[in-house]
């Protein structure tokens, strides 16, 4: 029986998790990529995922400026 106080995943940031998933998939694609366009696309996927992840972290942790 499940405990009523079980709080697994309540503070999960889905966008950061998905961005991390995109980075990992880019790495896996790069392992199997042929030279040329496949490598460029896999590296672009990794960079897009990193930019998404770091941008999300900056957005979530920046101080709020209220006038």
PDB file of N, CA and C in Angstrom:
ATOM      1  N   UNK A   1       0.831  -1.170   0.000  1.00  0.00           N
ATOM      2  CA  UNK A   1       0.000   0.000   0.000  1.00  0.00           C
ATOM      3  C   UNK A   1       0.888   1.249   0.000  1.00  0.00           C
ATOM      4  N   UNK A   2       0.494   2.290  -0.747  1.00  0.00           N
ATOM      5  CA  UNK A   2       1.277   3.512  -0.841  1.00  0.00           C
ATOM      6  C   UNK A   2       1.026   4.411   0.357  1.00  0.00           C
ATOM      7  N   UNK A   3       2.094   5.068   0.768  1.00  0.00           N
ATOM      8  CA  UNK A   3       2.006   6.016   1.869  1.00  0.00           C
ATOM      9  C   UNK A   3       1.386   7.320   1.368  1.00  0.00           C
ATOM     10  N   UNK A   4       0.484   7.900   2.124  1.00  0.00           N
ATOM     11  CA  UNK A   4      -0.181   9.136   1.728  1.00  0.00           C
ATOM     12  C   UNK A   4       0.780  10.312   1.722  1.00  0.00           C
ATOM     13  N   UNK A   5       1.894  10.227   2.442  1.00  0.00           N
ATOM     14  CA  UNK A   5       2.870  11.304   2.514  1.00  0.00           C
ATOM     15  C   UNK A   5       4.010  11.143   1.511  1.00  0.00           C
ATOM     16  N   UNK A   6       3.844  10.262   0.564  1.00  0.00           N
ATOM     17  CA  UNK A   6       4.862  10.003  -0.445  1.00  0.00           C
ATOM     18  C   UNK A   6       4.903  11.178  -1.419  1.00  0.00           C
ATOM     19  N   UNK A   7       6.040  11.896  -1.483  1.00  0.00           N
ATOM     20  CA  UNK A   7       6.129  13.141  -2.243  1.00  0.00           C
ATOM     21  C   UNK A   7       7.128  13.046  -3.391  1.00  0.00           C
ATOM     22  N   UNK A   8       7.155  11.946  -4.071  1.00  0.00           N
ATOM     23  CA  UNK A   8       8.099  11.750  -5.167  1.00  0.00           C
ATOM     24  C   UNK A   8       7.710  12.601  -6.376  1.00  0.00           C
ATOM     25  N   UNK A   9       8.645  13.424  -6.872  1.00  0.00           N
ATOM     26  CA  UNK A   9       8.440  14.177  -8.098  1.00  0.00           C
ATOM     27  C   UNK A   9       7.642  15.449  -7.970  1.00  0.00           C
ATOM     28  N   UNK A  10       7.372  15.909  -6.776  1.00  0.00           N
ATOM     29  CA  UNK A  10       6.582  17.130  -6.643  1.00  0.00           C
ATOM     30  C   UNK A  10       7.354  18.376  -7.047  1.00  0.00           C
ATOM     31  N   UNK A  11       8.672  18.367  -6.917  1.00  0.00           N
ATOM     32  CA  UNK A  11       9.482  19.527  -7.273  1.00  0.00           C
ATOM     33  C   UNK A  11      10.258  19.303  -8.561  1.00  0.00           C
ATOM     34  N   UNK A  12       9.774  18.443  -9.423  1.00  0.00           N
ATOM     35  CA  UNK A  12      10.448  18.117 -10.671  1.00  0.00           C
ATOM     36  C   UNK A  12      10.201  19.217 -11.698  1.00  0.00           C
ATOM     37  N   UNK A  13      11.272  19.722 -12.304  1.00  0.00           N
ATOM     38  CA  UNK A  13      11.164  20.713 -13.369  1.00  0.00           C
ATOM     39  C   UNK A  13      11.182  19.958 -14.696  1.00  0.00           C
ATOM     40  N   UNK A  14      10.039  19.842 -15.317  1.00  0.00           N
ATOM     41  CA  UNK A  14       9.889  19.021 -16.517  1.00  0.00           C
ATOM     42  C   UNK A  14      10.694  19.602 -17.678  1.00  0.00           C
ATOM     43  N   UNK A  15      10.743  20.925 -17.817  1.00  0.00           N
ATOM     44  CA  UNK A  15      11.495  21.520 -18.922  1.00  0.00           C
ATOM     45  C   UNK A  15      12.992  21.241 -18.801  1.00  0.00           C
ATOM     46  N   UNK A  16      13.540  21.334 -17.610  1.00  0.00           N
ATOM     47  CA  UNK A  16      14.961  21.031 -17.420  1.00  0.00           C
ATOM     48  C   UNK A  16      15.239  19.559 -17.674  1.00  0.00           C
ATOM     49  N   UNK A  17      14.342  18.700 -17.233  1.00  0.00           N
ATOM     50  CA  UNK A  17      14.517  17.270 -17.468  1.00  0.00           C
ATOM     51  C   UNK A  17      14.458  16.959 -18.957  1.00  0.00           C
ATOM     52  N   UNK A  18      13.557  17.601 -19.687  1.00  0.00           N
ATOM     53  CA  UNK A  18      13.453  17.352 -21.120  1.00  0.00           C
ATOM     54  C   UNK A  18      14.668  17.914 -21.862  1.00  0.00           C
ATOM     55  N   UNK A  19      15.178  19.071 -21.436  1.00  0.00           N
ATOM     56  CA  UNK A  19      16.382  19.631 -22.047  1.00  0.00           C
ATOM     57  C   UNK A  19      17.575  18.712 -21.821  1.00  0.00           C
ATOM     58  N   UNK A  20      17.695  18.148 -20.631  1.00  0.00           N
ATOM     59  CA  UNK A  20      18.763  17.192 -20.341  1.00  0.00           C
ATOM     60  C   UNK A  20      18.607  15.948 -21.211  1.00  0.00           C
ATOM     61  N   UNK A  21      17.375  15.508 -21.431  1.00  0.00           N
ATOM     62  CA  UNK A  21      17.099  14.372 -22.306  1.00  0.00           C
ATOM     63  C   UNK A  21      17.550  14.675 -23.738  1.00  0.00           C
ATOM     64  N   UNK A  22      17.308  15.889 -24.215  1.00  0.00           N
ATOM     65  CA  UNK A  22      17.724  16.282 -25.562  1.00  0.00           C
ATOM     66  C   UNK A  22      19.249  16.238 -25.681  1.00  0.00           C
ATOM     67  N   UNK A  23      19.951  16.701 -24.659  1.00  0.00           N
ATOM     68  CA  UNK A  23      21.410  16.650 -24.669  1.00  0.00           C
ATOM     69  C   UNK A  23      21.887  15.194 -24.725  1.00  0.00           C
ATOM     70  N   UNK A  24      21.309  14.344 -23.910  1.00  0.00           N
ATOM     71  CA  UNK A  24      21.720  12.935 -23.894  1.00  0.00           C
ATOM     72  C   UNK A  24      21.425  12.248 -25.233  1.00  0.00           C
ATOM     73  N   UNK A  25      20.292  12.561 -25.832  1.00  0.00           N
ATOM     74  CA  UNK A  25      19.971  11.970 -27.134  1.00  0.00           C
ATOM     75  C   UNK A  25      20.942  12.476 -28.201  1.00  0.00           C
ATOM     76  N   UNK A  26      21.329  13.747 -28.120  1.00  0.00           N
ATOM     77  CA  UNK A  26      22.326  14.276 -29.047  1.00  0.00           C
ATOM     78  C   UNK A  26      23.656  13.559 -28.913  1.00  0.00           C
ATOM     79  N   UNK A  27      24.053  13.269 -27.671  1.00  0.00           N
ATOM     80  CA  UNK A  27      25.291  12.509 -27.455  1.00  0.00           C
ATOM     81  C   UNK A  27      25.186  11.103 -28.038  1.00  0.00           C
ATOM     82  N   UNK A  28      24.055  10.462 -27.835  1.00  0.00           N
ATOM     83  CA  UNK A  28      23.876   9.114 -28.393  1.00  0.00           C
ATOM     84  C   UNK A  28      23.851   9.144 -29.918  1.00  0.00           C
ATOM     85  N   UNK A  29      23.223  10.149 -30.506  1.00  0.00           N
ATOM     86  CA  UNK A  29      23.229  10.281 -31.960  1.00  0.00           C
ATOM     87  C   UNK A  29      24.645  10.535 -32.470  1.00  0.00           C
ATOM     88  N   UNK A  30      25.421  11.309 -31.716  1.00  0.00           N
ATOM     89  CA  UNK A  30      26.790  11.619 -32.143  1.00  0.00           C
ATOM     90  C   UNK A  30      27.672  10.380 -32.118  1.00  0.00           C
ATOM     91  N   UNK A  31      27.447   9.484 -31.190  1.00  0.00           N
ATOM     92  CA  UNK A  31      28.214   8.236 -31.139  1.00  0.00           C
ATOM     93  C   UNK A  31      28.014   7.430 -32.421  1.00  0.00           C
ATOM     94  N   UNK A  32      26.788   7.407 -32.935  1.00  0.00           N
ATOM     95  CA  UNK A  32      26.458   6.607 -34.107  1.00  0.00           C
ATOM     96  C   UNK A  32      26.526   7.411 -35.408  1.00  0.00           C
ATOM     97  N   UNK A  33      26.828   8.697 -35.349  1.00  0.00           N
ATOM     98  CA  UNK A  33      26.753   9.559 -36.529  1.00  0.00           C
ATOM     99  C   UNK A  33      27.902   9.294 -37.495  1.00  0.00           C
ATOM    100  N   UNK A  34      27.566   9.388 -38.770  1.00  0.00           N
ATOM    101  CA  UNK A  34      28.590   9.343 -39.810  1.00  0.00           C
ATOM    102  C   UNK A  34      29.201  10.737 -39.928  1.00  0.00           C
ATOM    103  N   UNK A  35      30.353  10.804 -40.573  1.00  0.00           N
ATOM    104  CA  UNK A  35      30.998  12.101 -40.752  1.00  0.00           C
ATOM    105  C   UNK A  35      30.152  12.983 -41.661  1.00  0.00           C
ATOM    106  N   UNK A  36      30.183  14.285 -41.404  1.00  0.00           N
ATOM    107  CA  UNK A  36      29.454  15.212 -42.249  1.00  0.00           C
ATOM    108  C   UNK A  36      28.213  15.749 -41.576  1.00  0.00           C
ATOM    109  N   UNK A  37      27.109  15.723 -42.304  1.00  0.00           N
ATOM    110  CA  UNK A  37      25.871  16.340 -41.846  1.00  0.00           C
ATOM    111  C   UNK A  37      25.318  15.674 -40.589  1.00  0.00           C
ATOM    112  N   UNK A  38      25.455  14.354 -40.472  1.00  0.00           N
ATOM    113  CA  UNK A  38      24.952  13.673 -39.276  1.00  0.00           C
ATOM    114  C   UNK A  38      25.653  14.176 -38.019  1.00  0.00           C
ATOM    115  N   UNK A  39      26.947  14.358 -38.103  1.00  0.00           N
ATOM    116  CA  UNK A  39      27.698  14.881 -36.958  1.00  0.00           C
ATOM    117  C   UNK A  39      27.292  16.311 -36.635  1.00  0.00           C
ATOM    118  N   UNK A  40      27.103  17.122 -37.671  1.00  0.00           N
ATOM    119  CA  UNK A  40      26.713  18.517 -37.453  1.00  0.00           C
ATOM    120  C   UNK A  40      25.337  18.604 -36.793  1.00  0.00           C
ATOM    121  N   UNK A  41      24.407  17.773 -37.216  1.00  0.00           N
ATOM    122  CA  UNK A  41      23.063  17.782 -36.631  1.00  0.00           C
ATOM    123  C   UNK A  41      23.105  17.302 -35.184  1.00  0.00           C
ATOM    124  N   UNK A  42      23.893  16.267 -34.911  1.00  0.00           N
ATOM    125  CA  UNK A  42      23.971  15.781 -33.529  1.00  0.00           C
ATOM    126  C   UNK A  42      24.624  16.815 -32.615  1.00  0.00           C
ATOM    127  N   UNK A  43      25.659  17.503 -33.102  1.00  0.00           N
ATOM    128  CA  UNK A  43      26.291  18.553 -32.293  1.00  0.00           C
ATOM    129  C   UNK A  43      25.345  19.733 -32.100  1.00  0.00           C
ATOM    130  N   UNK A  44      24.570  20.066 -33.123  1.00  0.00           N
ATOM    131  CA  UNK A  44      23.581  21.137 -32.984  1.00  0.00           C
ATOM    132  C   UNK A  44      22.522  20.744 -31.956  1.00  0.00           C
ATOM    133  N   UNK A  45      22.118  19.479 -31.937  1.00  0.00           N
ATOM    134  CA  UNK A  45      21.149  19.002 -30.949  1.00  0.00           C
ATOM    135  C   UNK A  45      21.697  19.140 -29.540  1.00  0.00           C
ATOM    136  N   UNK A  46      22.972  18.790 -29.360  1.00  0.00           N
ATOM    137  CA  UNK A  46      23.608  18.924 -28.055  1.00  0.00           C
ATOM    138  C   UNK A  46      23.654  20.390 -27.627  1.00  0.00           C
ATOM    139  N   UNK A  47      24.045  21.279 -28.540  1.00  0.00           N
ATOM    140  CA  UNK A  47      24.146  22.701 -28.205  1.00  0.00           C
ATOM    141  C   UNK A  47      22.781  23.321 -27.915  1.00  0.00           C
ATOM    142  N   UNK A  48      21.777  22.933 -28.678  1.00  0.00           N
ATOM    143  CA  UNK A  48      20.422  23.439 -28.421  1.00  0.00           C
ATOM    144  C   UNK A  48      19.934  22.973 -27.056  1.00  0.00           C
ATOM    145  N   UNK A  49      20.174  21.705 -26.728  1.00  0.00           N
ATOM    146  CA  UNK A  49      19.771  21.185 -25.426  1.00  0.00           C
ATOM    147  C   UNK A  49      20.498  21.873 -24.283  1.00  0.00           C
ATOM    148  N   UNK A  50      21.799  22.130 -24.463  1.00  0.00           N
ATOM    149  CA  UNK A  50      22.561  22.834 -23.425  1.00  0.00           C
ATOM    150  C   UNK A  50      22.071  24.265 -23.250  1.00  0.00           C
ATOM    151  N   UNK A  51      21.812  24.949 -24.372  1.00  0.00           N
ATOM    152  CA  UNK A  51      21.308  26.318 -24.286  1.00  0.00           C
ATOM    153  C   UNK A  51      19.953  26.344 -23.600  1.00  0.00           C
ATOM    154  N   UNK A  52      19.104  25.379 -23.922  1.00  0.00           N
ATOM    155  CA  UNK A  52      17.774  25.294 -23.303  1.00  0.00           C
ATOM    156  C   UNK A  52      17.915  25.055 -21.805  1.00  0.00           C
ATOM    157  N   UNK A  53      18.760  24.090 -21.428  1.00  0.00           N
ATOM    158  CA  UNK A  53      18.940  23.750 -20.022  1.00  0.00           C
ATOM    159  C   UNK A  53      19.512  24.928 -19.236  1.00  0.00           C
ATOM    160  N   UNK A  54      20.584  25.538 -19.754  1.00  0.00           N
ATOM    161  CA  UNK A  54      21.214  26.658 -19.037  1.00  0.00           C
ATOM    162  C   UNK A  54      20.304  27.883 -19.012  1.00  0.00           C
ATOM    163  N   UNK A  55      19.590  28.133 -20.100  1.00  0.00           N
ATOM    164  CA  UNK A  55      18.648  29.238 -20.115  1.00  0.00           C
ATOM    165  C   UNK A  55      17.527  29.044 -19.120  1.00  0.00           C
ATOM    166  N   UNK A  56      17.042  27.825 -19.013  1.00  0.00           N
ATOM    167  CA  UNK A  56      15.979  27.527 -18.041  1.00  0.00           C
ATOM    168  C   UNK A  56      16.486  27.688 -16.604  1.00  0.00           C
ATOM    169  N   UNK A  57      17.723  27.244 -16.348  1.00  0.00           N
ATOM    170  CA  UNK A  57      18.286  27.390 -15.015  1.00  0.00           C
ATOM    171  C   UNK A  57      18.461  28.866 -14.662  1.00  0.00           C
ATOM    172  N   UNK A  58      18.925  29.671 -15.631  1.00  0.00           N
ATOM    173  CA  UNK A  58      19.077  31.110 -15.393  1.00  0.00           C
ATOM    174  C   UNK A  58      17.714  31.750 -15.135  1.00  0.00           C
ATOM    175  N   UNK A  59      16.720  31.388 -15.936  1.00  0.00           N
ATOM    176  CA  UNK A  59      15.394  31.975 -15.807  1.00  0.00           C
ATOM    177  C   UNK A  59      14.771  31.623 -14.457  1.00  0.00           C
ATOM    178  N   UNK A  60      14.949  30.401 -13.999  1.00  0.00           N
ATOM    179  CA  UNK A  60      14.332  29.969 -12.743  1.00  0.00           C
ATOM    180  C   UNK A  60      15.039  30.532 -11.517  1.00  0.00           C
ATOM    181  N   UNK A  61      16.322  30.836 -11.625  1.00  0.00           N
ATOM    182  CA  UNK A  61      17.072  31.261 -10.448  1.00  0.00           C
ATOM    183  C   UNK A  61      17.416  32.740 -10.441  1.00  0.00           C
ATOM    184  N   UNK A  62      16.929  33.506 -11.405  1.00  0.00           N
ATOM    185  CA  UNK A  62      17.230  34.933 -11.424  1.00  0.00           C
ATOM    186  C   UNK A  62      16.354  35.657 -10.396  1.00  0.00           C
ATOM    187  N   UNK A  63      16.879  36.724  -9.811  1.00  0.00           N
ATOM    188  CA  UNK A  63      16.066  37.459  -8.834  1.00  0.00           C
ATOM    189  C   UNK A  63      14.933  38.224  -9.544  1.00  0.00           C
ATOM    190  N   UNK A  64      13.815  38.298  -8.884  1.00  0.00           N
ATOM    191  CA  UNK A  64      12.678  39.023  -9.434  1.00  0.00           C
ATOM    192  C   UNK A  64      12.815  40.498  -9.096  1.00  0.00           C
ATOM    193  N   UNK A  65      12.694  41.350 -10.088  1.00  0.00           N
ATOM    194  CA  UNK A  65      12.791  42.789  -9.882  1.00  0.00           C
ATOM    195  C   UNK A  65      11.385  43.370  -9.954  1.00  0.00           C
ATOM    196  N   UNK A  66      10.881  43.749  -8.829  1.00  0.00           N
ATOM    197  CA  UNK A  66       9.553  44.347  -8.776  1.00  0.00           C
ATOM    198  C   UNK A  66       9.677  45.804  -8.371  1.00  0.00           C
ATOM    199  N   UNK A  67       9.063  46.672  -9.153  1.00  0.00           N
ATOM    200  CA  UNK A  67       9.185  48.098  -8.895  1.00  0.00           C
ATOM    201  C   UNK A  67       8.186  48.562  -7.930  1.00  0.00           C
TER     202      UNK A  67
END
